[in-house]
Protein backbone atom coordinates (compact mmCIF):
# COMPACT_ATOMS: atom_id res chain seq x y z
CA MET A 1 233.99 84.50 82.41
CA ILE A 2 237.12 82.54 83.17
CA PRO A 3 237.12 79.34 81.11
CA THR A 4 238.08 75.93 82.42
CA GLU A 5 240.97 74.07 80.84
CA GLU A 6 238.47 72.08 78.76
CA GLN A 7 236.75 75.25 77.55
CA ALA A 8 240.14 76.75 76.66
CA LYS A 9 240.95 73.64 74.61
CA GLN A 10 237.62 73.98 72.81
CA LEU A 11 238.75 77.47 71.79
CA TRP A 12 242.01 75.97 70.48
CA GLU A 13 239.84 73.89 68.14
CA LYS A 14 237.50 76.73 67.21
CA TYR A 15 240.39 79.05 66.28
CA GLY A 16 242.71 76.42 64.80
CA LEU A 17 245.60 76.82 67.25
CA PRO A 18 248.51 74.88 65.71
CA GLU A 19 249.80 71.80 67.57
CA LYS A 20 253.20 73.37 68.35
CA LYS A 21 251.44 76.36 69.90
CA ARG A 22 249.19 74.04 71.93
CA GLU A 23 252.30 72.41 73.37
CA HIS A 24 253.80 75.83 74.07
CA VAL A 25 250.76 77.30 75.84
CA ALA A 26 250.24 74.14 77.92
CA LEU A 27 253.86 74.31 79.05
CA VAL A 28 253.57 78.04 79.79
CA ALA A 29 250.56 77.21 82.01
CA ARG A 30 252.56 74.62 83.94
CA VAL A 31 255.50 77.00 84.44
CA ALA A 32 253.19 79.86 85.47
CA ILE A 33 251.49 77.69 88.09
CA PHE A 34 254.86 76.48 89.41
CA LEU A 35 255.91 80.12 89.84
CA ALA A 36 252.55 81.11 91.35
CA THR A 37 252.88 78.35 93.93
CA LYS A 38 256.34 79.63 94.89
CA VAL A 39 255.15 83.25 95.09
CA LYS A 40 252.13 82.33 97.23
CA SER A 41 254.26 80.26 99.59
CA GLN A 42 256.39 83.25 100.62
CA LYS A 43 255.81 84.50 104.12
CA PRO A 44 254.18 87.93 104.41
CA ALA A 45 256.46 90.87 105.15
CA ARG A 46 254.98 91.86 108.51
CA ARG A 47 257.08 94.96 108.98
CA ARG A 48 255.63 96.50 105.85
CA GLY A 49 252.09 95.44 106.64
CA ARG A 50 251.80 93.24 103.55
CA SER A 51 249.54 90.25 103.62
CA LYS A 52 250.15 86.98 101.82
CA VAL A 53 250.10 87.28 98.03
CA LYS A 54 246.86 86.30 96.35
CA ILE A 55 246.96 84.95 92.82
CA ASP A 56 243.91 83.91 90.84
CA GLU A 57 245.24 80.60 89.53
CA LYS A 58 242.18 79.93 87.38
CA LEU A 59 242.71 83.25 85.62
CA LEU A 60 246.45 82.61 85.30
CA ILE A 61 245.90 79.15 83.76
CA ALA A 62 243.24 80.48 81.37
CA GLY A 63 245.52 83.33 80.32
CA ALA A 64 248.41 80.94 79.77
CA LEU A 65 246.33 78.48 77.76
CA LEU A 66 244.84 81.24 75.60
CA HIS A 67 247.65 83.79 75.28
CA ASP A 68 248.47 82.70 71.71
CA ILE A 69 244.90 81.96 70.56
CA ASP A 70 245.33 84.38 67.64
CA LYS A 71 248.35 82.63 66.08
CA ASN A 72 246.28 81.13 63.25
CA VAL A 73 243.64 83.87 63.00
CA PRO A 74 243.57 86.63 60.35
CA LYS A 75 244.39 89.99 61.91
CA LEU A 76 242.24 93.04 61.29
CA PRO A 77 243.96 96.15 59.90
CA GLY A 78 246.31 97.57 62.52
CA GLU A 79 246.28 94.44 64.68
CA ARG A 80 249.38 92.54 65.70
CA HIS A 81 249.87 89.77 68.21
CA PRO A 82 248.13 89.64 70.70
CA ASP A 83 245.55 92.22 69.57
CA ALA A 84 243.48 89.67 67.64
CA GLY A 85 243.58 87.30 70.61
CA VAL A 86 242.38 90.05 72.95
CA ARG A 87 239.56 90.83 70.51
CA ILE A 88 238.59 87.14 70.25
CA LEU A 89 238.58 86.68 74.03
CA ARG A 90 236.41 89.77 74.53
CA GLU A 91 233.99 88.50 71.86
CA GLU A 92 233.88 85.17 73.71
CA GLY A 93 232.92 87.02 76.94
CA MET A 94 236.30 86.50 78.59
CA GLY A 95 237.28 90.09 79.37
CA GLU A 96 239.35 89.22 82.44
CA VAL A 97 241.41 86.75 80.42
CA ALA A 98 241.77 89.28 77.59
CA ASP A 99 243.13 91.80 80.10
CA ILE A 100 246.07 89.61 81.10
CA VAL A 101 246.66 88.28 77.57
CA LYS A 102 247.14 91.83 76.29
CA THR A 103 250.13 92.25 78.65
CA HIS A 104 252.12 89.15 77.64
CA SER A 105 253.83 90.17 74.39
CA VAL A 106 257.42 91.42 74.33
CA HIS A 107 256.36 94.89 73.17
CA ALA A 108 253.93 95.22 76.10
CA ILE A 109 256.74 95.55 78.62
CA LEU A 110 257.88 98.72 76.82
CA ASP A 111 254.48 100.41 77.12
CA PRO A 112 253.60 101.60 80.65
CA MET A 113 249.89 101.43 79.77
CA ILE A 114 249.95 97.67 79.09
CA ALA A 115 253.10 96.45 80.83
CA PRO A 116 252.43 93.58 83.26
CA LYS A 117 251.45 94.89 86.70
CA THR A 118 249.46 92.23 88.57
CA TRP A 119 250.98 88.95 89.71
CA GLU A 120 248.91 87.08 87.12
CA GLU A 121 250.20 89.35 84.34
CA LYS A 122 253.81 89.21 85.52
CA LEU A 123 253.83 85.43 85.89
CA LEU A 124 252.21 84.87 82.49
CA PHE A 125 254.68 87.25 80.83
CA PHE A 126 257.70 85.67 82.54
CA ALA A 127 256.61 82.06 81.98
CA ASP A 128 256.02 82.80 78.29
CA LYS A 129 259.53 84.25 77.94
CA MET A 130 261.04 81.12 79.52
CA VAL A 131 259.35 78.64 77.20
CA LYS A 132 259.49 77.67 73.55
CA GLN A 133 258.61 73.96 73.16
CA GLU A 134 260.60 73.31 76.33
CA VAL A 135 261.67 75.38 79.30
CA ILE A 136 264.83 77.20 78.22
CA GLY A 137 264.94 80.44 80.21
CA VAL A 138 264.80 84.10 79.26
CA ASP A 139 268.37 84.40 77.98
CA ALA A 140 268.09 81.39 75.66
CA ARG A 141 264.67 82.56 74.42
CA PHE A 142 266.01 85.99 73.49
CA LYS A 143 269.04 84.37 71.86
CA GLN A 144 266.69 82.27 69.71
CA TRP A 145 264.70 85.33 68.68
CA ASN A 146 267.89 87.16 67.75
CA GLU A 147 268.93 84.23 65.54
CA GLU A 148 265.61 84.10 63.65
CA HIS A 149 266.64 86.71 61.04
CA LEU A 150 263.89 89.10 62.10
CA PRO A 151 263.46 92.53 60.50
CA PRO A 152 265.71 95.25 61.99
CA GLU A 153 262.79 96.96 63.76
CA GLU A 154 261.90 93.70 65.53
CA LEU A 155 265.52 93.18 66.59
CA ALA A 156 265.58 96.75 67.92
CA LEU A 157 262.38 96.08 69.87
CA LEU A 158 263.94 92.94 71.38
CA ALA A 159 267.05 94.89 72.34
CA ARG A 160 264.95 97.55 74.12
CA ALA A 161 262.73 94.96 75.84
CA TYR A 162 265.48 92.64 77.06
CA PRO A 163 266.64 94.77 80.06
CA LYS A 164 263.04 95.24 81.20
CA VAL A 165 262.35 91.51 80.89
CA LYS A 166 265.49 90.82 82.93
CA ASP A 167 264.27 93.32 85.55
CA LEU A 168 260.94 91.48 85.76
CA GLU A 169 262.78 88.15 86.00
CA ALA A 170 264.91 89.55 88.85
CA GLU A 171 261.82 90.91 90.65
CA ILE A 172 260.00 87.58 90.55
CA LEU A 173 263.00 85.41 91.37
CA ARG A 174 264.15 87.73 94.19
CA PHE A 175 260.64 87.47 95.64
CA ILE A 176 260.77 83.66 95.64
CA GLY A 177 264.45 83.53 96.64
CA MET A 178 265.91 81.86 93.55
CA GLU A 179 268.63 82.58 91.05
CA PRO A 180 267.75 82.22 87.34
CA TRP A 181 269.73 78.98 86.93
CA GLU A 182 268.12 77.53 90.07
CA ALA A 183 264.60 78.44 88.93
CA LEU A 184 265.28 76.90 85.53
CA LEU A 185 266.48 73.63 87.08
CA LYS A 186 263.60 73.46 89.57
CA ILE A 187 261.00 74.18 86.90
CA GLN A 188 262.48 71.56 84.59
CA ALA A 189 262.56 69.03 87.45
CA SER A 190 258.93 69.78 88.36
CA LEU A 191 257.87 68.88 84.83
CA LEU A 192 259.30 65.40 85.17
CA VAL A 193 256.89 64.53 87.97
């Protein structure tokens, strides 16, 4: 089952998603849809036999709205973010949403088994890394994390993930024909409408 926006918001209530996280996930959804629209509008590469890109926008929005659903939920032994969220979504009968949520965390990009592969996964991952409470971009987001006085192992994880996140950013932006600064400005402008 892929929940509607209203159903996703009911889950925010059920699992006590904090207000700041609600703002974050709603903004991630808006950025992800902006990017999906740009990706889908690209002309097919006829020489390579590719057809127009298909993106399940309902799944992308649901994943964006629910990717941090576990932020206020006790974790089971061995769980870390987003493991509890994936568990919750599966228990709620939302396996498809759980599948893309499991690929959105920074550590996921380092694991070939759960790194983002589909357009929905890639766009959710990228949009999440561009957004805090406002759209700030990947570089600023990583700078913030590095200034949060995290444990050394978390800082090491960020350092290993950063080049792969930048590769994903380059892949998406090259596909839609934008530079990072241009995408940031266009996304910010789209939010003013």
